N, C-alpha and C. Protein backbone atom coordinates (compact mmCIF):
# COMPACT_ATOMS: atom_id res chain seq x y z
N UNK A 1 1.01 -1.13 -0.12
CA UNK A 1 0.20 -0.04 0.04
C UNK A 1 1.04 1.36 -0.16
N UNK A 2 0.34 2.14 -0.78
CA UNK A 2 1.21 3.81 -0.71
C UNK A 2 1.04 4.16 0.74
N UNK A 3 1.45 5.10 1.04
CA UNK A 3 1.47 6.14 1.85
C UNK A 3 -0.03 5.90 2.53
N UNK A 4 -0.35 6.12 3.68
CA UNK A 4 -1.77 6.21 4.08
C UNK A 4 -2.16 7.83 3.79
N UNK A 5 -3.04 7.90 3.23
CA UNK A 5 -4.01 9.21 3.72
C UNK A 5 -4.19 10.22 5.07
N UNK A 6 -4.31 11.26 5.11
CA UNK A 6 -5.26 11.85 6.25
C UNK A 6 -6.32 12.89 5.10
N UNK A 7 -7.51 11.96 5.25
CA UNK A 7 -8.65 12.13 4.25
C UNK A 7 -9.93 12.86 5.46
N UNK A 8 -10.08 13.62 5.12
CA UNK A 8 -11.62 14.59 5.98
C UNK A 8 -12.61 14.19 5.04
N UNK A 9 -13.40 13.56 6.06
CA UNK A 9 -14.93 13.10 4.99
C UNK A 9 -15.97 13.98 5.88
N UNK A 10 -16.68 14.81 4.72
CA UNK A 10 -17.39 15.55 5.41
C UNK A 10 -18.83 15.30 5.31
N UNK A 11 -19.53 15.17 6.56
CA UNK A 11 -20.46 14.00 6.29
C UNK A 11 -20.96 13.20 6.53
N UNK A 12 -19.60 12.72 7.06
CA UNK A 12 -19.24 11.43 7.55
C UNK A 12 -20.11 10.57 8.56
N UNK A 13 -21.09 11.02 9.26
CA UNK A 13 -21.67 10.61 10.24
C UNK A 13 -23.23 10.44 9.49
N UNK A 14 -23.32 10.41 7.92
CA UNK A 14 -24.63 10.11 7.45
C UNK A 14 -24.13 8.64 6.93
N UNK A 15 -25.06 7.93 5.92
CA UNK A 15 -25.36 7.18 5.57
C UNK A 15 -24.21 6.68 4.57
N UNK A 16 -24.44 7.56 3.46
CA UNK A 16 -23.41 7.30 2.71
C UNK A 16 -21.68 7.84 3.21
N UNK A 17 -21.44 8.75 3.90
CA UNK A 17 -20.13 9.42 4.50
C UNK A 17 -19.64 8.27 5.27
N UNK A 18 -20.44 7.71 6.21
CA UNK A 18 -19.83 6.83 7.48
C UNK A 18 -19.20 5.63 6.81
N UNK A 19 -19.96 4.75 5.49
CA UNK A 19 -19.48 3.91 5.12
C UNK A 19 -18.17 4.53 4.58
N UNK A 20 -17.99 5.59 3.98
CA UNK A 20 -16.71 5.81 2.93
C UNK A 20 -15.46 6.11 4.12
N UNK A 21 -16.08 6.45 5.23
CA UNK A 21 -15.34 6.47 6.52
C UNK A 21 -14.64 5.33 7.19
N UNK A 22 -15.49 4.27 7.09
CA UNK A 22 -15.43 3.07 7.63
C UNK A 22 -14.26 2.33 6.54
N UNK A 23 -14.84 2.27 5.27
CA UNK A 23 -13.84 1.62 4.21
C UNK A 23 -12.25 2.42 4.49
N UNK A 24 -12.13 3.87 4.44
CA UNK A 24 -11.05 4.56 4.46
C UNK A 24 -10.16 4.15 5.53
N UNK A 25 -10.56 3.94 6.74
CA UNK A 25 -10.00 4.06 8.31
C UNK A 25 -9.66 2.05 8.11
N UNK A 26 -10.53 1.57 7.22
CA UNK A 26 -10.37 -0.66 7.20
C UNK A 26 -8.98 -0.31 6.54
N UNK A 27 -8.92 0.65 5.50
CA UNK A 27 -7.60 0.50 4.47
C UNK A 27 -6.30 1.15 5.17
N UNK A 28 -6.39 1.74 6.19
CA UNK A 28 -5.31 2.29 7.26
C UNK A 28 -5.14 3.64 7.30
N UNK A 29 -5.84 4.64 6.22
CA UNK A 29 -5.86 5.64 6.28
C UNK A 29 -6.30 6.45 7.35
N UNK A 30 -5.60 7.64 7.84
CA UNK A 30 -5.78 8.69 8.68
C UNK A 30 -7.43 9.28 8.67
N UNK A 31 -8.46 9.07 9.59
CA UNK A 31 -9.78 9.80 8.90
C UNK A 31 -10.21 10.45 9.89
N UNK A 32 -10.85 12.01 9.67
CA UNK A 32 -11.85 12.64 10.47
C UNK A 32 -12.70 12.89 9.80
N UNK A 33 -14.04 13.31 10.41
CA UNK A 33 -15.36 13.30 9.97
C UNK A 33 -15.60 14.67 10.35
N UNK A 34 -16.41 15.84 9.67
CA UNK A 34 -16.66 16.82 9.85
C UNK A 34 -18.36 16.76 9.31
N UNK A 35 -18.97 17.08 10.31
CA UNK A 35 -20.38 16.80 10.50
C UNK A 35 -21.43 17.65 11.38
N UNK A 36 -22.21 18.14 10.89
CA UNK A 36 -23.21 18.66 11.82
C UNK A 36 -24.16 18.17 12.79
N UNK A 37 -24.47 17.04 12.12
CA UNK A 37 -25.26 15.69 12.79
C UNK A 37 -26.75 16.12 12.52
N UNK A 38 -26.99 17.21 11.40
CA UNK A 38 -28.02 17.48 11.14
C UNK A 38 -29.38 16.49 10.50
N UNK A 39 -28.51 15.30 9.66
CA UNK A 39 -29.03 14.15 9.35
C UNK A 39 -28.53 12.68 9.46
N UNK A 40 -27.68 12.72 10.05
CA UNK A 40 -26.37 11.76 9.86
C UNK A 40 -26.46 11.53 11.77
N UNK A 41 -25.79 10.54 12.08
CA UNK A 41 -25.85 10.06 13.63
C UNK A 41 -24.32 9.70 14.11
N UNK A 42 -24.31 10.63 15.67
CA UNK A 42 -23.06 10.31 15.89
C UNK A 42 -22.75 8.66 16.10
N UNK A 43 -23.81 7.88 15.99
CA UNK A 43 -23.72 6.04 16.22
C UNK A 43 -22.87 5.89 14.86
N UNK A 44 -23.02 6.61 13.70
CA UNK A 44 -22.87 5.84 12.76
C UNK A 44 -21.24 6.00 12.43
N UNK A 45 -20.14 6.61 13.26
CA UNK A 45 -18.73 7.31 12.97
C UNK A 45 -18.43 6.11 13.45
N UNK A 46 -16.99 5.96 12.82
CA UNK A 46 -16.47 4.91 12.38
C UNK A 46 -15.45 4.91 13.66
N UNK A 47 -15.04 3.93 14.55
CA UNK A 47 -13.97 3.85 15.34
C UNK A 47 -12.77 4.24 14.80
N UNK A 48 -12.15 5.07 15.99
CA UNK A 48 -10.83 5.18 15.34
C UNK A 48 -10.78 6.30 14.44
N UNK A 49 -11.84 6.92 14.41
CA UNK A 49 -12.27 8.31 13.09
C UNK A 49 -11.96 10.08 14.30
N UNK A 50 -11.38 10.78 14.13
CA UNK A 50 -11.46 11.72 14.29
C UNK A 50 -12.69 12.42 14.44
N UNK A 51 -13.43 12.90 15.05
CA UNK A 51 -14.99 13.90 14.89
C UNK A 51 -15.00 15.52 15.28
N UNK A 52 -15.30 16.02 14.03
CA UNK A 52 -15.31 17.68 14.68
C UNK A 52 -16.94 17.95 14.08
N UNK A 53 -17.85 18.32 15.02
CA UNK A 53 -19.35 18.57 14.56
C UNK A 53 -18.91 19.74 14.86
N UNK A 54 -19.37 20.03 13.48
CA UNK A 54 -19.41 21.45 12.80
C UNK A 54 -20.28 21.60 11.50
N UNK A 55 -20.71 23.17 11.12
CA UNK A 55 -21.28 22.89 9.91
C UNK A 55 -20.59 23.76 9.06
N UNK A 56 -20.26 23.37 7.74
CA UNK A 56 -19.64 23.58 6.75
C UNK A 56 -19.96 24.82 6.39
N UNK A 57 -21.09 25.32 6.38
CA UNK A 57 -20.98 27.18 6.36
C UNK A 57 -20.59 27.83 7.09
N UNK A 58 -19.85 27.45 8.18
CA UNK A 58 -18.79 28.19 8.89
C UNK A 58 -18.08 27.92 8.68
N UNK A 59 -17.52 29.47 7.76
CA UNK A 59 -16.19 29.09 7.30
C UNK A 59 -15.02 29.53 8.06
N UNK A 60 -15.33 30.09 9.42
CA UNK A 60 -14.02 29.80 10.31
C UNK A 60 -13.85 28.66 11.31
N UNK A 61 -14.77 27.80 11.25
CA UNK A 61 -14.43 26.33 11.93
C UNK A 61 -14.12 25.89 10.82
N UNK A 62 -14.10 25.82 9.45
CA UNK A 62 -13.86 25.11 8.51
C UNK A 62 -12.39 25.09 8.40
N UNK A 63 -11.92 26.34 8.39
CA UNK A 63 -10.69 26.67 8.91
C UNK A 63 -9.89 26.22 9.63
N UNK A 64 -10.36 26.03 10.83
CA UNK A 64 -9.55 25.60 12.22
C UNK A 64 -9.69 24.24 12.00
N UNK A 65 -11.07 23.18 11.80
CA UNK A 65 -10.61 22.14 11.48
C UNK A 65 -9.43 21.68 10.20
N UNK A 66 -9.34 22.63 9.38
CA UNK A 66 -8.36 22.10 8.31
C UNK A 66 -7.08 22.41 8.96
N UNK A 67 -6.77 23.58 9.59
CA UNK A 67 -5.51 23.42 10.59
C UNK A 67 -4.84 22.74 11.23
N UNK A 68 -6.03 22.19 11.97
CA UNK A 68 -6.13 21.26 12.99
C UNK A 68 -5.78 19.50 12.44
N UNK A 69 -6.76 19.56 11.56
CA UNK A 69 -6.32 17.97 10.93
C UNK A 69 -4.92 17.90 9.99
N UNK A 70 -4.91 19.04 8.89
CA UNK A 70 -4.25 19.01 7.65
C UNK A 70 -4.39 17.91 6.73
N UNK A 71 -5.62 17.60 6.12
CA UNK A 71 -5.96 16.72 5.33
C UNK A 71 -5.30 16.77 4.13
N UNK A 72 -4.50 15.45 3.24
CA UNK A 72 -3.90 15.28 2.38
C UNK A 72 -5.61 15.17 1.12
N UNK A 73 -6.29 14.61 1.61
CA UNK A 73 -7.50 14.30 1.06
C UNK A 73 -8.61 14.58 1.53
N UNK A 74 -9.83 15.18 0.85
CA UNK A 74 -10.50 15.27 1.28
C UNK A 74 -11.97 14.82 0.76
N UNK A 75 -12.96 14.05 1.04
CA UNK A 75 -13.53 13.29 0.06
C UNK A 75 -15.43 13.92 0.91
N UNK A 76 -15.73 14.99 -0.12
CA UNK A 76 -17.05 15.73 0.45
C UNK A 76 -18.13 15.10 0.16
N UNK A 77 -18.91 14.88 1.48
CA UNK A 77 -20.23 14.19 0.99
C UNK A 77 -21.58 15.67 1.87
N UNK A 78 -21.12 15.86 2.58
CA UNK A 78 -21.75 16.71 3.35
C UNK A 78 -22.99 18.00 2.09
N UNK A 79 -24.27 17.95 2.68
CA UNK A 79 -25.01 18.36 1.58
C UNK A 79 -26.68 17.87 1.94
N UNK A 80 -27.47 19.56 1.81
CA UNK A 80 -28.42 19.10 2.07
C UNK A 80 -29.10 18.19 0.61
N UNK A 81 -30.32 17.26 0.98
CA UNK A 81 -30.51 16.16 -0.37
C UNK A 81 -31.77 16.42 -0.81
N UNK A 82 -32.44 16.86 0.11
CA UNK A 82 -34.09 16.79 0.02
C UNK A 82 -34.88 18.13 -1.11
N UNK A 83 -35.10 17.68 -2.02
CA UNK A 83 -35.64 18.24 -2.67
C UNK A 83 -36.62 19.17 -2.51
N UNK A 84 -38.22 18.79 -1.75
CA UNK A 84 -38.82 19.63 -1.08
C UNK A 84 -38.03 20.47 -0.27
N UNK A 85 -37.10 20.87 0.62
CA UNK A 85 -36.54 21.47 1.41
C UNK A 85 -35.83 22.47 0.61
N UNK A 86 -35.09 22.22 -0.32
CA UNK A 86 -34.39 23.10 -1.30
C UNK A 86 -35.82 24.23 -1.90
N UNK A 87 -36.76 23.57 -2.30
CA UNK A 87 -37.65 24.34 -2.63
C UNK A 87 -38.29 25.26 -1.77
N UNK A 88 -38.44 24.69 -0.45
CA UNK A 88 -39.09 25.66 0.40
C UNK A 88 -37.89 26.84 1.21
N UNK A 89 -36.47 26.31 1.25
CA UNK A 89 -35.93 27.49 1.82
C UNK A 89 -34.41 27.27 0.67
N UNK A 90 -34.58 27.76 -0.47
CA UNK A 90 -33.62 27.77 -1.12
C UNK A 90 -32.19 28.32 -0.81
N UNK A 91 -31.90 29.33 -0.03
CA UNK A 91 -31.00 30.07 0.43
C UNK A 91 -30.29 29.17 1.04
N UNK A 92 -31.00 28.43 2.20
CA UNK A 92 -30.41 27.47 3.28
C UNK A 92 -29.60 26.37 2.10
N UNK A 93 -30.45 25.65 1.47
CA UNK A 93 -29.68 24.88 0.22
C UNK A 93 -28.64 25.44 -0.43
N UNK A 94 -28.51 26.63 -1.03
CA UNK A 94 -27.48 27.15 -1.45
C UNK A 94 -26.28 27.38 -0.67
N UNK A 95 -26.66 27.90 0.59
CA UNK A 95 -25.62 28.41 1.46
C UNK A 95 -24.77 27.06 2.02
N UNK A 96 -25.77 25.58 1.60
CA UNK A 96 -24.80 24.36 2.40
C UNK A 96 -23.94 23.75 1.48
N UNK A 97 -24.95 23.72 0.26
CA UNK A 97 -24.14 22.95 -0.92
C UNK A 97 -23.54 23.85 -1.91
N UNK A 98 -23.38 25.34 -1.81
CA UNK A 98 -22.55 25.90 -2.78
C UNK A 98 -21.45 26.55 -2.00
N UNK A 99 -22.08 27.30 -0.97
CA UNK A 99 -21.34 28.40 -0.25
C UNK A 99 -20.41 27.67 0.76
N UNK A 100 -21.17 26.37 1.30
CA UNK A 100 -20.24 25.37 2.18
C UNK A 100 -18.95 24.20 1.66
N UNK A 101 -19.55 23.95 0.38
CA UNK A 101 -18.42 23.16 -0.85
C UNK A 101 -17.13 24.23 -1.08
N UNK A 102 -17.35 25.40 -1.44
CA UNK A 102 -16.49 26.54 -1.61
C UNK A 102 -15.64 26.78 -0.22
N UNK A 103 -16.63 26.81 0.86
CA UNK A 103 -15.37 26.63 2.20
C UNK A 103 -14.43 25.13 1.56
N UNK A 104 -15.10 24.51 2.02
CA UNK A 104 -13.79 23.20 1.67
C UNK A 104 -12.80 23.66 0.93
N UNK A 105 -13.29 23.80 -0.32
CA UNK A 105 -12.78 23.94 -1.64
C UNK A 105 -11.29 24.76 -1.33
N UNK A 106 -11.93 26.00 -0.68
CA UNK A 106 -10.87 26.96 -0.61
C UNK A 106 -10.00 26.68 0.69
N UNK A 107 -10.16 26.28 1.93
CA UNK A 107 -9.52 25.49 2.75
C UNK A 107 -8.54 24.53 2.42
N UNK A 108 -9.03 23.71 2.03
CA UNK A 108 -8.39 22.89 1.42
C UNK A 108 -7.36 23.26 0.47
N UNK A 109 -7.57 24.03 -0.54
CA UNK A 109 -6.25 23.89 -1.37
C UNK A 109 -5.33 25.14 -0.35
N UNK A 110 -5.76 26.19 0.41
CA UNK A 110 -4.70 26.70 1.54
C UNK A 110 -3.68 25.65 2.41
N UNK A 111 -4.18 24.23 2.69
CA UNK A 111 -3.49 23.67 3.17
C UNK A 111 -2.96 22.65 2.70
N UNK A 112 -2.69 22.69 1.92
CA UNK A 112 -2.19 21.68 0.81
C UNK A 112 -3.22 20.17 0.31
N UNK A 113 -4.18 20.10 0.36
CA UNK A 113 -4.98 18.92 -0.13
C UNK A 113 -4.62 18.81 -1.52
N UNK A 114 -4.36 17.47 -1.86
CA UNK A 114 -3.86 17.14 -2.84
C UNK A 114 -5.35 16.53 -3.70
N UNK A 115 -6.34 15.92 -3.18
CA UNK A 115 -7.50 15.19 -3.74
C UNK A 115 -8.28 15.65 -2.90
N UNK A 116 -9.43 15.67 -4.18
CA UNK A 116 -10.89 16.30 -3.45
C UNK A 116 -11.53 14.99 -4.34
N UNK A 117 -12.94 14.31 -3.49
CA UNK A 117 -13.73 13.68 -4.47
C UNK A 117 -15.30 14.01 -3.80
N UNK A 118 -16.28 13.98 -4.56
CA UNK A 118 -17.75 14.48 -4.10
C UNK A 118 -18.30 13.92 -4.73
N UNK A 119 -19.52 13.74 -4.18
CA UNK A 119 -20.88 12.96 -4.86
C UNK A 119 -21.73 14.42 -5.30
N UNK A 120 -22.16 14.17 -6.47
CA UNK A 120 -22.85 15.00 -7.36
C UNK A 120 -24.33 14.95 -7.52
């Protein structure tokens, strides 16, 4: 195996994100989860992972987490996925799904993240 990665999994307490975090940890990578627990559950967190309870809309907190964990890769799974909610609350949806992603990308570049993947 090549050198282990330091992977930040956003939305890592959700269904898909938690499975990704589990697989990465089982493969020997150092994993941190960033999740606000708005739809995920702390019970889904992989053992041995570092957990940051935070909202990706909070640019200052995203910066702190990136500085503390220093990821080499990001797997971005945090998003609001409800279509009905996006119609009822389009600004909240855009803040999370667009601005939140931009916070992750900007801070990832700043700390030297080499790889990023995300669900579309």
